Amino acid sequence: MMPDLGKYAGTVLTAYGAAIALLVVLVAVTLWQGARTKRQLAEIEGRLAKGD
């Protein structure tokens, strides 16, 4: 299924690998920040509920 890339195979495959790695890191960081923000929001809401 993969086309013959000739002498550029290493460069092209490295570029694909780097792009996939960067996307994985971006998704992981986004999920981590979302979880952190959710915890912080729950903490603030808990403090506000105790103040009522």
C-alpha atoms as a PDB file:
ATOM      1  CA  MET A   1       0.000   0.000   0.000  1.00  0.00           C
ATOM      2  CA  MET A   2       2.909   2.372   0.632  1.00  0.00           C
ATOM      3  CA  PRO A   3       4.249   4.115  -2.473  1.00  0.00           C
ATOM      4  CA  ASP A   4       7.919   3.841  -3.378  1.00  0.00           C
ATOM      5  CA  LEU A   5       9.554   6.928  -1.879  1.00  0.00           C
ATOM      6  CA  GLY A   6      13.023   6.208  -3.231  1.00  0.00           C
ATOM      7  CA  LYS A   7      15.855   8.120  -1.658  1.00  0.00           C
ATOM      8  CA  TYR A   8      13.419  10.331   0.283  1.00  0.00           C
ATOM      9  CA  ALA A   9      11.884   7.475   2.268  1.00  0.00           C
ATOM     10  CA  GLY A  10      13.828   8.255   5.441  1.00  0.00           C
ATOM     11  CA  THR A  11      13.000  11.942   5.333  1.00  0.00           C
ATOM     12  CA  VAL A  12       9.317  11.419   4.591  1.00  0.00           C
ATOM     13  CA  LEU A  13       8.861   8.714   7.226  1.00  0.00           C
ATOM     14  CA  THR A  14      10.706  10.840   9.803  1.00  0.00           C
ATOM     15  CA  ALA A  15       8.428  13.780   9.007  1.00  0.00           C
ATOM     16  CA  TYR A  16       5.329  11.575   9.373  1.00  0.00           C
ATOM     17  CA  GLY A  17       6.657  10.207  12.660  1.00  0.00           C
ATOM     18  CA  ALA A  18       7.396  13.683  14.002  1.00  0.00           C
ATOM     19  CA  ALA A  19       3.954  14.953  13.002  1.00  0.00           C
ATOM     20  CA  ILE A  20       2.207  12.006  14.660  1.00  0.00           C
ATOM     21  CA  ALA A  21       4.329  12.413  17.808  1.00  0.00           C
ATOM     22  CA  LEU A  22       3.493  16.126  18.003  1.00  0.00           C
ATOM     23  CA  LEU A  23      -0.212  15.401  17.591  1.00  0.00           C
ATOM     24  CA  VAL A  24      -0.095  12.802  20.369  1.00  0.00           C
ATOM     25  CA  VAL A  25       1.689  15.264  22.669  1.00  0.00           C
ATOM     26  CA  LEU A  26      -0.810  18.007  21.833  1.00  0.00           C
ATOM     27  CA  VAL A  27      -3.782  15.753  22.613  1.00  0.00           C
ATOM     28  CA  ALA A  28      -2.166  14.543  25.859  1.00  0.00           C
ATOM     29  CA  VAL A  29      -1.436  18.090  27.041  1.00  0.00           C
ATOM     30  CA  THR A  30      -4.958  19.197  26.168  1.00  0.00           C
ATOM     31  CA  LEU A  31      -6.503  16.310  28.131  1.00  0.00           C
ATOM     32  CA  TRP A  32      -4.181  16.971  31.100  1.00  0.00           C
ATOM     33  CA  GLN A  33      -5.050  20.686  31.162  1.00  0.00           C
ATOM     34  CA  GLY A  34      -8.753  19.891  30.883  1.00  0.00           C
ATOM     35  CA  ALA A  35      -8.594  17.534  33.853  1.00  0.00           C
ATOM     36  CA  ARG A  36      -6.620  20.090  35.882  1.00  0.00           C
ATOM     37  CA  THR A  37      -9.111  22.839  35.064  1.00  0.00           C
ATOM     38  CA  LYS A  38     -12.031  20.571  35.980  1.00  0.00           C
ATOM     39  CA  ARG A  39     -10.442  19.817  39.383  1.00  0.00           C
ATOM     40  CA  GLN A  40      -9.819  23.517  40.020  1.00  0.00           C
ATOM     41  CA  LEU A  41     -13.392  24.412  39.097  1.00  0.00           C
ATOM     42  CA  ALA A  42     -14.771  21.720  41.406  1.00  0.00           C
ATOM     43  CA  GLU A  43     -12.581  23.054  44.223  1.00  0.00           C
ATOM     44  CA  ILE A  44     -13.775  26.624  43.699  1.00  0.00           C
ATOM     45  CA  GLU A  45     -17.411  25.537  43.487  1.00  0.00           C
ATOM     46  CA  GLY A  46     -16.950  23.569  46.728  1.00  0.00           C
ATOM     47  CA  ARG A  47     -15.553  26.632  48.480  1.00  0.00           C
ATOM     48  CA  LEU A  48     -18.419  28.782  47.193  1.00  0.00           C
ATOM     49  CA  ALA A  49     -20.991  26.223  48.374  1.00  0.00           C
ATOM     50  CA  LYS A  50     -19.484  26.203  51.868  1.00  0.00           C
ATOM     51  CA  GLY A  51     -19.720  30.004  51.987  1.00  0.00           C
ATOM     52  CA  ASP A  52     -23.511  29.955  51.457  1.00  0.00           C
END
